[in-house]
Amino acid sequence: MSVALFLWSEKDIEPTIKAIQCLRASYPLLKQHATFSFSYHRYIQQEESDWKFWNESCDTIDEALNRLSSGKENFLGTRTPYPISLMRNVARKSARTHFFTICDMDITPSIGLRTSFLQMVKKEGLLNKEDVLYIMPVFELQKEAPIPTNKLELRTLFQNGSARQFYATWSPLTQGKTDYSRWFALPPSDGVRIAYEVEWGFLYEPYFILTSSAPDYYEGIKEITYDRGSYACELSARGWRFFVLDNAFALHDGFKASDTFEYVRSKFLRKELSKNAINHRIYRAELLAKYGSKAKKCSSLYYRTMEVFLVLGGNI
């Protein structure tokens, strides 16, 4: 596991390293299986570190982490755009594996996925197949719901309303091409396997496993974005094939709230989305220059219309 952390300033570097050392000493599996990387904002000048209340004792590290995380949920409420694509690339470069998947901190792959997936690619002779993207259906799981250990348990939670398609209430198209109905209708089987092939489409933003030969994320995209979908479109333009996995899934911690009015209320958020719309336009122009007609679907009329509204919204 490769963990990328974004720090407020260089004053946070030393205590962050100390905290990681404490965690590695307390949790041997973390020391054995996890790497940590971090970036910091070079222009933020803090008088003191966010760790100022911690005495740097490993005996109090859990308490310090809880206090630190409760103070700042994320960067959305700040004036500092979170460099999401940069951090994805930082995590990738520190990964030690041939295959990787990018997960946000509140997304968890299904139990046993790594072992079962590697068994599948070895059996099917796909270890050296470089231009394939393996998609995991993603589900939002209610806070109080039990964590499903397999697809059968997940189906039960889905049917009783304790689990639902990721972004179901916000933007169903972001996961629509995965075709959840088709996925649940597949005949029972053991282990992870390739179920069916899909094509990238408008607003499709799948969660996936791919090889280390994949290109980097475009780092001009920051904050709340469509970075995963734009990245998937680039892979499609490059000729990568998209396969949905059976008996593999990922879980989001809790149901996502769809607060449409947050965009209307927050002038800062509107401005950041406006900047990102311009960055997306630059990115797609580069894709068109590289891949020609193969990248046209990455810059459709729908996208251009959305970008116009976002840019206008950022200047209201």
C-alpha atoms as a PDB file:
ATOM      1  CA  MET A   1       0.000   0.000   0.000  1.00  0.00           C
ATOM      2  CA  SER A   2       1.320   3.420  -0.970  1.00  0.00           C
ATOM      3  CA  VAL A   3      -0.062   6.359   1.023  1.00  0.00           C
ATOM      4  CA  ALA A   4       0.370   9.947  -0.204  1.00  0.00           C
ATOM      5  CA  LEU A   5      -0.137  12.803   2.273  1.00  0.00           C
ATOM      6  CA  PHE A   6      -0.507  16.504   1.505  1.00  0.00           C
ATOM      7  CA  LEU A   7       0.858  18.710   4.285  1.00  0.00           C
ATOM      8  CA  TRP A   8       0.080  22.341   4.962  1.00  0.00           C
ATOM      9  CA  SER A   9       3.675  23.513   5.046  1.00  0.00           C
ATOM     10  CA  GLU A  10       7.230  22.351   5.623  1.00  0.00           C
ATOM     11  CA  LYS A  11       6.750  22.898   9.362  1.00  0.00           C
ATOM     12  CA  ASP A  12       4.611  19.740   9.312  1.00  0.00           C
ATOM     13  CA  ILE A  13       7.326  17.540   7.789  1.00  0.00           C
ATOM     14  CA  GLU A  14       9.309  16.632  10.893  1.00  0.00           C
ATOM     15  CA  PRO A  15       6.328  15.760  13.145  1.00  0.00           C
ATOM     16  CA  THR A  16       4.678  13.856  10.287  1.00  0.00           C
ATOM     17  CA  ILE A  17       7.771  11.689   9.866  1.00  0.00           C
ATOM     18  CA  LYS A  18       7.817  11.088  13.622  1.00  0.00           C
ATOM     19  CA  ALA A  19       4.133  10.116  13.560  1.00  0.00           C
ATOM     20  CA  ILE A  20       4.752   7.640  10.725  1.00  0.00           C
ATOM     21  CA  GLN A  21       7.633   6.121  12.684  1.00  0.00           C
ATOM     22  CA  CYS A  22       5.312   5.665  15.670  1.00  0.00           C
ATOM     23  CA  LEU A  23       2.661   4.000  13.532  1.00  0.00           C
ATOM     24  CA  ARG A  24       5.200   1.678  11.926  1.00  0.00           C
ATOM     25  CA  ALA A  25       6.498   0.695  15.372  1.00  0.00           C
ATOM     26  CA  SER A  26       2.979   0.017  16.670  1.00  0.00           C
ATOM     27  CA  TYR A  27       1.655  -1.823  13.621  1.00  0.00           C
ATOM     28  CA  PRO A  28       4.158  -4.304  12.100  1.00  0.00           C
ATOM     29  CA  LEU A  29       1.922  -4.955   9.074  1.00  0.00           C
ATOM     30  CA  LEU A  30       2.008  -1.249   8.288  1.00  0.00           C
ATOM     31  CA  LYS A  31       5.790  -1.307   8.401  1.00  0.00           C
ATOM     32  CA  GLN A  32       5.916  -4.373   6.176  1.00  0.00           C
ATOM     33  CA  HIS A  33       3.297  -3.456   3.573  1.00  0.00           C
ATOM     34  CA  ALA A  34       2.949   0.355   3.439  1.00  0.00           C
ATOM     35  CA  THR A  35       5.052   3.203   2.088  1.00  0.00           C
ATOM     36  CA  PHE A  36       4.404   6.869   2.902  1.00  0.00           C
ATOM     37  CA  SER A  37       5.098   9.860   0.690  1.00  0.00           C
ATOM     38  CA  PHE A  38       4.113  13.484   1.121  1.00  0.00           C
ATOM     39  CA  SER A  39       4.052  16.851  -0.558  1.00  0.00           C
ATOM     40  CA  TYR A  40       3.532  20.244   1.012  1.00  0.00           C
ATOM     41  CA  HIS A  41       2.423  23.686  -0.110  1.00  0.00           C
ATOM     42  CA  ARG A  42       5.569  25.773  -0.590  1.00  0.00           C
ATOM     43  CA  TYR A  43       3.732  29.117  -0.418  1.00  0.00           C
ATOM     44  CA  ILE A  44       1.878  28.626   2.871  1.00  0.00           C
ATOM     45  CA  GLN A  45       3.708  30.205   5.776  1.00  0.00           C
ATOM     46  CA  GLN A  46       2.562  28.791   9.106  1.00  0.00           C
ATOM     47  CA  GLU A  47       3.809  30.143  12.404  1.00  0.00           C
ATOM     48  CA  GLU A  48       3.514  26.675  13.928  1.00  0.00           C
ATOM     49  CA  SER A  49       2.784  23.136  12.846  1.00  0.00           C
ATOM     50  CA  ASP A  50      -0.671  21.549  12.922  1.00  0.00           C
ATOM     51  CA  TRP A  51       0.954  19.009  15.270  1.00  0.00           C
ATOM     52  CA  LYS A  52       1.664  21.693  17.902  1.00  0.00           C
ATOM     53  CA  PHE A  53      -0.490  19.975  20.534  1.00  0.00           C
ATOM     54  CA  TRP A  54       1.347  16.614  20.199  1.00  0.00           C
ATOM     55  CA  ASN A  55       4.235  15.865  22.573  1.00  0.00           C
ATOM     56  CA  GLU A  56       5.777  13.497  19.962  1.00  0.00           C
ATOM     57  CA  SER A  57       5.305  10.516  22.241  1.00  0.00           C
ATOM     58  CA  CYS A  58       4.254   7.319  20.463  1.00  0.00           C
ATOM     59  CA  ASP A  59       2.020   6.551  23.450  1.00  0.00           C
ATOM     60  CA  THR A  60      -0.299   9.392  22.426  1.00  0.00           C
ATOM     61  CA  ILE A  61      -0.126   9.074  18.626  1.00  0.00           C
ATOM     62  CA  ASP A  62      -3.663   7.675  18.238  1.00  0.00           C
ATOM     63  CA  GLU A  63      -5.109  10.519  20.303  1.00  0.00           C
ATOM     64  CA  ALA A  64      -3.121  13.055  18.272  1.00  0.00           C
ATOM     65  CA  LEU A  65      -4.331  11.618  14.964  1.00  0.00           C
ATOM     66  CA  ASN A  66      -7.955  11.682  16.125  1.00  0.00           C
ATOM     67  CA  ARG A  67      -7.621  15.296  17.241  1.00  0.00           C
ATOM     68  CA  LEU A  68      -5.875  16.293  14.015  1.00  0.00           C
ATOM     69  CA  SER A  69      -8.472  14.647  11.751  1.00  0.00           C
ATOM     70  CA  SER A  70     -11.404  16.109  13.680  1.00  0.00           C
ATOM     71  CA  GLY A  71     -10.071  19.625  13.206  1.00  0.00           C
ATOM     72  CA  LYS A  72      -9.920  19.564   9.393  1.00  0.00           C
ATOM     73  CA  GLU A  73     -12.066  17.187   7.390  1.00  0.00           C
ATOM     74  CA  ASN A  74     -10.435  18.058   4.066  1.00  0.00           C
ATOM     75  CA  PHE A  75      -9.162  20.986   2.005  1.00  0.00           C
ATOM     76  CA  LEU A  76     -12.580  21.900   0.596  1.00  0.00           C
ATOM     77  CA  GLY A  77     -13.247  24.462   3.304  1.00  0.00           C
ATOM     78  CA  THR A  78      -9.859  26.125   2.928  1.00  0.00           C
ATOM     79  CA  ARG A  79      -8.295  28.517   0.434  1.00  0.00           C
ATOM     80  CA  THR A  80      -5.815  25.866  -0.673  1.00  0.00           C
ATOM     81  CA  PRO A  81      -6.833  23.757  -3.688  1.00  0.00           C
ATOM     82  CA  TYR A  82      -6.033  20.111  -3.046  1.00  0.00           C
ATOM     83  CA  PRO A  83      -3.675  18.859  -5.812  1.00  0.00           C
ATOM     84  CA  ILE A  84      -5.501  15.577  -6.289  1.00  0.00           C
ATOM     85  CA  SER A  85      -3.825  14.499  -9.542  1.00  0.00           C
ATOM     86  CA  LEU A  86      -0.372  15.316  -8.206  1.00  0.00           C
ATOM     87  CA  MET A  87      -1.032  13.223  -5.096  1.00  0.00           C
ATOM     88  CA  ARG A  88      -2.247  10.301  -7.194  1.00  0.00           C
ATOM     89  CA  ASN A  89       1.047  10.415  -9.101  1.00  0.00           C
ATOM     90  CA  VAL A  90       3.067  10.709  -5.882  1.00  0.00           C
ATOM     91  CA  ALA A  91       1.374   7.582  -4.509  1.00  0.00           C
ATOM     92  CA  ARG A  92       1.929   5.718  -7.771  1.00  0.00           C
ATOM     93  CA  LYS A  93       5.643   6.483  -7.907  1.00  0.00           C
ATOM     94  CA  SER A  94       6.109   5.029  -4.421  1.00  0.00           C
ATOM     95  CA  ALA A  95       4.149   1.856  -5.144  1.00  0.00           C
ATOM     96  CA  ARG A  96       6.243  -1.302  -5.394  1.00  0.00           C
ATOM     97  CA  THR A  97       3.820  -3.421  -7.408  1.00  0.00           C
ATOM     98  CA  HIS A  98       3.176  -4.097 -11.098  1.00  0.00           C
ATOM     99  CA  PHE A  99      -0.582  -3.595 -10.705  1.00  0.00           C
ATOM    100  CA  PHE A 100      -2.118  -0.719  -8.794  1.00  0.00           C
ATOM    101  CA  THR A 101      -5.434   0.924  -8.032  1.00  0.00           C
ATOM    102  CA  ILE A 102      -6.006   4.499  -6.874  1.00  0.00           C
ATOM    103  CA  CYS A 103      -8.413   4.733  -3.930  1.00  0.00           C
ATOM    104  CA  ASP A 104      -9.455   7.738  -1.886  1.00  0.00           C
ATOM    105  CA  MET A 105      -9.145   7.333   1.880  1.00  0.00           C
ATOM    106  CA  ASP A 106     -12.851   6.529   2.245  1.00  0.00           C
ATOM    107  CA  ILE A 107     -12.834   3.791  -0.436  1.00  0.00           C
ATOM    108  CA  THR A 108     -11.978   0.195   0.546  1.00  0.00           C
ATOM    109  CA  PRO A 109     -11.457  -2.706  -1.910  1.00  0.00           C
ATOM    110  CA  SER A 110     -13.347  -5.911  -1.169  1.00  0.00           C
ATOM    111  CA  ILE A 111     -11.771  -8.453   1.176  1.00  0.00           C
ATOM    112  CA  GLY A 112      -9.251 -10.741  -0.502  1.00  0.00           C
ATOM    113  CA  LEU A 113      -9.306  -8.793  -3.777  1.00  0.00           C
ATOM    114  CA  ARG A 114      -5.523  -8.577  -4.211  1.00  0.00           C
ATOM    115  CA  THR A 115      -4.932 -12.320  -3.808  1.00  0.00           C
ATOM    116  CA  SER A 116      -7.876 -13.347  -5.962  1.00  0.00           C
ATOM    117  CA  PHE A 117      -7.046 -10.817  -8.681  1.00  0.00           C
ATOM    118  CA  LEU A 118      -3.418 -11.938  -8.944  1.00  0.00           C
ATOM    119  CA  GLN A 119      -4.527 -15.560  -9.150  1.00  0.00           C
ATOM    120  CA  MET A 120      -6.847 -14.610 -12.018  1.00  0.00           C
ATOM    121  CA  VAL A 121      -4.272 -12.699 -14.096  1.00  0.00           C
ATOM    122  CA  LYS A 122      -1.720 -15.494 -13.654  1.00  0.00           C
ATOM    123  CA  LYS A 123      -4.243 -18.154 -14.663  1.00  0.00           C
ATOM    124  CA  GLU A 124      -5.407 -16.151 -17.707  1.00  0.00           C
ATOM    125  CA  GLY A 125      -1.875 -15.189 -18.774  1.00  0.00           C
ATOM    126  CA  LEU A 126      -2.509 -11.457 -18.293  1.00  0.00           C
ATOM    127  CA  LEU A 127       0.508 -10.554 -16.172  1.00  0.00           C
ATOM    128  CA  ASN A 128       2.238  -8.887 -19.117  1.00  0.00           C
ATOM    129  CA  LYS A 129      -0.891  -7.452 -20.710  1.00  0.00           C
ATOM    130  CA  GLU A 130      -0.244  -3.719 -20.487  1.00  0.00           C
ATOM    131  CA  ASP A 131      -3.268  -2.101 -22.174  1.00  0.00           C
ATOM    132  CA  VAL A 132      -6.106  -3.457 -20.045  1.00  0.00           C
ATOM    133  CA  LEU A 133      -8.098  -1.695 -17.330  1.00  0.00           C
ATOM    134  CA  TYR A 134      -9.964  -3.854 -14.784  1.00  0.00           C
ATOM    135  CA  ILE A 135     -13.059  -2.181 -13.339  1.00  0.00           C
ATOM    136  CA  MET A 136     -14.445  -2.703  -9.824  1.00  0.00           C
ATOM    137  CA  PRO A 137     -18.082  -1.718  -9.230  1.00  0.00           C
ATOM    138  CA  VAL A 138     -18.194   0.756  -6.326  1.00  0.00           C
ATOM    139  CA  PHE A 139     -20.940   0.917  -3.720  1.00  0.00           C
ATOM    140  CA  GLU A 140     -21.846   3.369  -0.996  1.00  0.00           C
ATOM    141  CA  LEU A 141     -22.348   1.530   2.285  1.00  0.00           C
ATOM    142  CA  GLN A 142     -24.428   2.932   5.141  1.00  0.00           C
ATOM    143  CA  LYS A 143     -22.423   3.682   8.265  1.00  0.00           C
ATOM    144  CA  GLU A 144     -24.219   1.145  10.421  1.00  0.00           C
ATOM    145  CA  ALA A 145     -24.272  -1.622   7.806  1.00  0.00           C
ATOM    146  CA  PRO A 146     -22.001  -4.682   8.134  1.00  0.00           C
ATOM    147  CA  ILE A 147     -19.085  -4.888   5.712  1.00  0.00           C
ATOM    148  CA  PRO A 148     -19.882  -7.532   3.070  1.00  0.00           C
ATOM    149  CA  THR A 149     -17.245 -10.225   2.628  1.00  0.00           C
ATOM    150  CA  ASN A 150     -18.511 -11.414  -0.756  1.00  0.00           C
ATOM    151  CA  LYS A 151     -20.875 -10.564  -3.599  1.00  0.00           C
ATOM    152  CA  LEU A 152     -23.776 -12.536  -2.093  1.00  0.00           C
ATOM    153  CA  GLU A 153     -23.681 -10.497   1.116  1.00  0.00           C
ATOM    154  CA  LEU A 154     -23.349  -7.313  -0.924  1.00  0.00           C
ATOM    155  CA  ARG A 155     -26.429  -8.244  -2.954  1.00  0.00           C
ATOM    156  CA  THR A 156     -28.455  -8.602   0.252  1.00  0.00           C
ATOM    157  CA  LEU A 157     -27.339  -5.175   1.462  1.00  0.00           C
ATOM    158  CA  PHE A 158     -28.093  -3.692  -1.962  1.00  0.00           C
ATOM    159  CA  GLN A 159     -31.591  -5.155  -1.993  1.00  0.00           C
ATOM    160  CA  ASN A 160     -32.468  -3.893   1.501  1.00  0.00           C
ATOM    161  CA  GLY A 161     -31.158  -0.385   0.780  1.00  0.00           C
ATOM    162  CA  SER A 162     -28.062  -0.541   2.983  1.00  0.00           C
ATOM    163  CA  ALA A 163     -25.808  -0.306  -0.077  1.00  0.00           C
ATOM    164  CA  ARG A 164     -26.275   1.538  -3.346  1.00  0.00           C
ATOM    165  CA  GLN A 165     -24.408   2.433  -6.526  1.00  0.00           C
ATOM    166  CA  PHE A 166     -21.641   4.955  -5.981  1.00  0.00           C
ATOM    167  CA  TYR A 167     -22.825   8.500  -6.732  1.00  0.00           C
ATOM    168  CA  ALA A 168     -26.359   7.169  -7.280  1.00  0.00           C
ATOM    169  CA  THR A 169     -28.020  10.385  -6.078  1.00  0.00           C
ATOM    170  CA  TRP A 170     -25.395  12.796  -7.368  1.00  0.00           C
ATOM    171  CA  SER A 171     -24.534  11.638 -10.880  1.00  0.00           C
ATOM    172  CA  PRO A 172     -25.592   8.101 -11.885  1.00  0.00           C
ATOM    173  CA  LEU A 173     -23.730   8.430 -15.194  1.00  0.00           C
ATOM    174  CA  THR A 174     -20.357   8.390 -13.433  1.00  0.00           C
ATOM    175  CA  GLN A 175     -20.743   4.645 -12.822  1.00  0.00           C
ATOM    176  CA  GLY A 176     -23.467   3.903 -15.378  1.00  0.00           C
ATOM    177  CA  LYS A 177     -21.320   2.112 -17.973  1.00  0.00           C
ATOM    178  CA  THR A 178     -20.329  -0.480 -15.386  1.00  0.00           C
ATOM    179  CA  ASP A 179     -23.961  -1.685 -15.603  1.00  0.00           C
ATOM    180  CA  TYR A 180     -24.755  -2.760 -12.052  1.00  0.00           C
ATOM    181  CA  SER A 181     -27.893  -4.666 -13.089  1.00  0.00           C
ATOM    182  CA  ARG A 182     -25.875  -6.796 -15.479  1.00  0.00           C
ATOM    183  CA  TRP A 183     -23.196  -7.318 -12.833  1.00  0.00           C
ATOM    184  CA  PHE A 184     -25.671  -8.587 -10.233  1.00  0.00           C
ATOM    185  CA  ALA A 185     -27.357 -10.814 -12.857  1.00  0.00           C
ATOM    186  CA  LEU A 186     -24.135 -12.720 -13.577  1.00  0.00           C
ATOM    187  CA  PRO A 187     -24.311 -16.441 -12.662  1.00  0.00           C
ATOM    188  CA  PRO A 188     -22.622 -17.359  -9.351  1.00  0.00           C
ATOM    189  CA  SER A 189     -18.923 -18.129  -9.643  1.00  0.00           C
ATOM    190  CA  ASP A 190     -15.849 -18.488  -7.464  1.00  0.00           C
ATOM    191  CA  GLY A 191     -13.001 -16.024  -7.382  1.00  0.00           C
ATOM    192  CA  VAL A 192     -12.363 -12.861  -9.345  1.00  0.00           C
ATOM    193  CA  ARG A 193     -12.870 -13.196 -13.095  1.00  0.00           C
ATOM    194  CA  ILE A 194     -13.380 -10.979 -16.129  1.00  0.00           C
ATOM    195  CA  ALA A 195     -17.131 -10.666 -16.629  1.00  0.00           C
ATOM    196  CA  TYR A 196     -17.633  -8.436 -19.677  1.00  0.00           C
ATOM    197  CA  GLU A 197     -16.135  -5.572 -21.650  1.00  0.00           C
ATOM    198  CA  VAL A 198     -17.468  -1.998 -21.649  1.00  0.00           C
ATOM    199  CA  GLU A 199     -16.543   1.185 -23.486  1.00  0.00           C
ATOM    200  CA  TRP A 200     -15.790   4.552 -21.983  1.00  0.00           C
ATOM    201  CA  GLY A 201     -18.654   7.042 -22.296  1.00  0.00           C
ATOM    202  CA  PHE A 202     -19.772  10.528 -21.274  1.00  0.00           C
ATOM    203  CA  LEU A 203     -19.098  11.244 -17.565  1.00  0.00           C
ATOM    204  CA  TYR A 204     -17.956   7.651 -16.925  1.00  0.00           C
ATOM    205  CA  GLU A 205     -15.590   7.635 -13.941  1.00  0.00           C
ATOM    206  CA  PRO A 206     -14.823   4.002 -13.038  1.00  0.00           C
ATOM    207  CA  TYR A 207     -12.626   2.673 -10.262  1.00  0.00           C
ATOM    208  CA  PHE A 208     -10.065   0.318 -11.724  1.00  0.00           C
ATOM    209  CA  ILE A 209      -6.919  -1.753 -11.462  1.00  0.00           C
ATOM    210  CA  LEU A 210      -4.215  -1.199 -14.069  1.00  0.00           C
ATOM    211  CA  THR A 211      -0.513  -1.720 -14.660  1.00  0.00           C
ATOM    212  CA  SER A 212       2.405   0.533 -13.803  1.00  0.00           C
ATOM    213  CA  SER A 213       2.882   1.261 -17.522  1.00  0.00           C
ATOM    214  CA  ALA A 214      -0.198   3.523 -17.481  1.00  0.00           C
ATOM    215  CA  PRO A 215       0.430   7.256 -18.019  1.00  0.00           C
ATOM    216  CA  ASP A 216       0.536   9.749 -15.155  1.00  0.00           C
ATOM    217  CA  TYR A 217      -2.496  11.778 -14.167  1.00  0.00           C
ATOM    218  CA  TYR A 218      -2.648  15.291 -15.629  1.00  0.00           C
ATOM    219  CA  GLU A 219      -1.465  17.476 -12.733  1.00  0.00           C
ATOM    220  CA  GLY A 220      -3.174  20.674 -13.873  1.00  0.00           C
ATOM    221  CA  ILE A 221      -6.427  19.300 -12.424  1.00  0.00           C
ATOM    222  CA  LYS A 222      -7.034  20.060  -8.745  1.00  0.00           C
ATOM    223  CA  GLU A 223      -9.663  19.939  -5.980  1.00  0.00           C
ATOM    224  CA  ILE A 224     -13.187  18.611  -6.749  1.00  0.00           C
ATOM    225  CA  THR A 225     -12.804  17.421 -10.279  1.00  0.00           C
ATOM    226  CA  TYR A 226     -13.552  14.847 -12.903  1.00  0.00           C
ATOM    227  CA  ASP A 227      -9.937  13.678 -12.925  1.00  0.00           C
ATOM    228  CA  ARG A 228     -10.680   9.948 -12.837  1.00  0.00           C
ATOM    229  CA  GLY A 229     -13.092  10.182 -15.764  1.00  0.00           C
ATOM    230  CA  SER A 230     -10.738  12.326 -17.861  1.00  0.00           C
ATOM    231  CA  TYR A 231      -7.938   9.885 -17.123  1.00  0.00           C
ATOM    232  CA  ALA A 232     -10.116   6.947 -18.188  1.00  0.00           C
ATOM    233  CA  CYS A 233     -10.935   8.772 -21.420  1.00  0.00           C
ATOM    234  CA  GLU A 234      -7.223   9.217 -22.139  1.00  0.00           C
ATOM    235  CA  LEU A 235      -6.682   5.483 -21.636  1.00  0.00           C
ATOM    236  CA  SER A 236      -9.568   4.797 -24.008  1.00  0.00           C
ATOM    237  CA  ALA A 237      -8.023   7.117 -26.604  1.00  0.00           C
ATOM    238  CA  ARG A 238      -4.744   5.242 -26.218  1.00  0.00           C
ATOM    239  CA  GLY A 239      -6.557   2.021 -27.104  1.00  0.00           C
ATOM    240  CA  TRP A 240      -6.837   0.473 -23.653  1.00  0.00           C
ATOM    241  CA  ARG A 241      -9.704  -2.004 -23.180  1.00  0.00           C
ATOM    242  CA  PHE A 242     -12.090  -1.825 -20.212  1.00  0.00           C
ATOM    243  CA  PHE A 243     -13.157  -5.054 -18.488  1.00  0.00           C
ATOM    244  CA  VAL A 244     -15.543  -5.303 -15.530  1.00  0.00           C
ATOM    245  CA  LEU A 245     -14.521  -7.812 -12.847  1.00  0.00           C
ATOM    246  CA  ASP A 246     -16.956 -10.220 -11.232  1.00  0.00           C
ATOM    247  CA  ASN A 247     -16.681 -10.939  -7.494  1.00  0.00           C
ATOM    248  CA  ALA A 248     -14.617  -7.786  -7.048  1.00  0.00           C
ATOM    249  CA  PHE A 249     -15.955  -4.505  -5.705  1.00  0.00           C
ATOM    250  CA  ALA A 250     -15.065  -1.463  -3.624  1.00  0.00           C
ATOM    251  CA  LEU A 251     -16.960   0.210  -0.785  1.00  0.00           C
ATOM    252  CA  HIS A 252     -17.387   3.871   0.100  1.00  0.00           C
ATOM    253  CA  ASP A 253     -17.701   4.598   3.808  1.00  0.00           C
ATOM    254  CA  GLY A 254     -21.243   5.987   4.152  1.00  0.00           C
ATOM    255  CA  PHE A 255     -23.814   7.378   1.728  1.00  0.00           C
ATOM    256  CA  LYS A 256     -22.607  10.418  -0.191  1.00  0.00           C
ATOM    257  CA  ALA A 257     -24.755  13.494   0.349  1.00  0.00           C
ATOM    258  CA  SER A 258     -25.673  15.460  -2.767  1.00  0.00           C
ATOM    259  CA  ASP A 259     -25.506  19.064  -1.658  1.00  0.00           C
ATOM    260  CA  THR A 260     -26.088  20.875  -4.945  1.00  0.00           C
ATOM    261  CA  PHE A 261     -26.528  24.179  -3.137  1.00  0.00           C
ATOM    262  CA  GLU A 262     -22.951  24.085  -1.834  1.00  0.00           C
ATOM    263  CA  TYR A 263     -21.836  25.090  -5.327  1.00  0.00           C
ATOM    264  CA  VAL A 264     -24.289  28.012  -5.336  1.00  0.00           C
ATOM    265  CA  ARG A 265     -23.349  29.212  -1.847  1.00  0.00           C
ATOM    266  CA  SER A 266     -19.568  29.009  -2.089  1.00  0.00           C
ATOM    267  CA  LYS A 267     -17.945  31.624  -4.311  1.00  0.00           C
ATOM    268  CA  PHE A 268     -14.553  30.060  -3.633  1.00  0.00           C
ATOM    269  CA  LEU A 269     -15.794  26.642  -4.806  1.00  0.00           C
ATOM    270  CA  ARG A 270     -17.288  28.176  -7.947  1.00  0.00           C
ATOM    271  CA  LYS A 271     -13.986  29.873  -8.748  1.00  0.00           C
ATOM    272  CA  GLU A 272     -12.018  26.657  -8.228  1.00  0.00           C
ATOM    273  CA  LEU A 273     -14.379  24.700 -10.473  1.00  0.00           C
ATOM    274  CA  SER A 274     -14.065  27.477 -13.041  1.00  0.00           C
ATOM    275  CA  LYS A 275     -10.261  27.140 -12.983  1.00  0.00           C
ATOM    276  CA  ASN A 276     -10.560  23.388 -13.300  1.00  0.00           C
ATOM    277  CA  ALA A 277     -12.901  23.731 -16.268  1.00  0.00           C
ATOM    278  CA  ILE A 278     -10.191  25.746 -18.034  1.00  0.00           C
ATOM    279  CA  ASN A 279      -7.541  23.174 -17.055  1.00  0.00           C
ATOM    280  CA  HIS A 280      -9.749  20.387 -18.375  1.00  0.00           C
ATOM    281  CA  ARG A 281     -10.059  22.250 -21.671  1.00  0.00           C
ATOM    282  CA  ILE A 282      -6.253  22.511 -21.899  1.00  0.00           C
ATOM    283  CA  TYR A 283      -5.888  18.816 -21.031  1.00  0.00           C
ATOM    284  CA  ARG A 284      -8.382  17.705 -23.673  1.00  0.00           C
ATOM    285  CA  ALA A 285      -6.718  19.932 -26.256  1.00  0.00           C
ATOM    286  CA  GLU A 286      -3.477  18.082 -25.533  1.00  0.00           C
ATOM    287  CA  LEU A 287      -5.273  14.744 -25.915  1.00  0.00           C
ATOM    288  CA  LEU A 288      -6.666  15.819 -29.289  1.00  0.00           C
ATOM    289  CA  ALA A 289      -3.192  16.852 -30.400  1.00  0.00           C
ATOM    290  CA  LYS A 290      -1.749  13.492 -29.317  1.00  0.00           C
ATOM    291  CA  TYR A 291      -4.455  11.055 -30.390  1.00  0.00           C
ATOM    292  CA  GLY A 292      -6.479  12.924 -33.004  1.00  0.00           C
ATOM    293  CA  SER A 293      -9.967  11.602 -33.696  1.00  0.00           C
ATOM    294  CA  LYS A 294      -9.596   8.891 -31.031  1.00  0.00           C
ATOM    295  CA  ALA A 295      -9.801  11.596 -28.356  1.00  0.00           C
ATOM    296  CA  LYS A 296     -12.812  13.443 -29.781  1.00  0.00           C
ATOM    297  CA  LYS A 297     -15.190  11.800 -27.307  1.00  0.00           C
ATOM    298  CA  CYS A 298     -13.095  13.340 -24.506  1.00  0.00           C
ATOM    299  CA  SER A 299     -14.070  16.793 -25.778  1.00  0.00           C
ATOM    300  CA  SER A 300     -17.714  16.400 -26.738  1.00  0.00           C
ATOM    301  CA  LEU A 301     -20.326  19.174 -26.947  1.00  0.00           C
ATOM    302  CA  TYR A 302     -21.628  18.105 -23.522  1.00  0.00           C
ATOM    303  CA  TYR A 303     -18.257  18.720 -21.913  1.00  0.00           C
ATOM    304  CA  ARG A 304     -17.751  22.051 -23.609  1.00  0.00           C
ATOM    305  CA  THR A 305     -21.224  23.179 -22.510  1.00  0.00           C
ATOM    306  CA  MET A 306     -20.498  22.162 -18.910  1.00  0.00           C
ATOM    307  CA  GLU A 307     -17.217  24.045 -18.992  1.00  0.00           C
ATOM    308  CA  VAL A 308     -18.919  27.223 -20.186  1.00  0.00           C
ATOM    309  CA  PHE A 309     -21.410  27.084 -17.287  1.00  0.00           C
ATOM    310  CA  LEU A 310     -18.623  26.386 -14.757  1.00  0.00           C
ATOM    311  CA  VAL A 311     -16.506  29.274 -16.027  1.00  0.00           C
ATOM    312  CA  LEU A 312     -19.500  31.632 -15.966  1.00  0.00           C
ATOM    313  CA  GLY A 313     -20.431  30.419 -12.461  1.00  0.00           C
ATOM    314  CA  GLY A 314     -16.939  31.191 -11.217  1.00  0.00           C
ATOM    315  CA  ASN A 315     -17.299  34.828 -12.251  1.00  0.00           C
ATOM    316  CA  ILE A 316     -20.694  35.516 -10.718  1.00  0.00           C
END
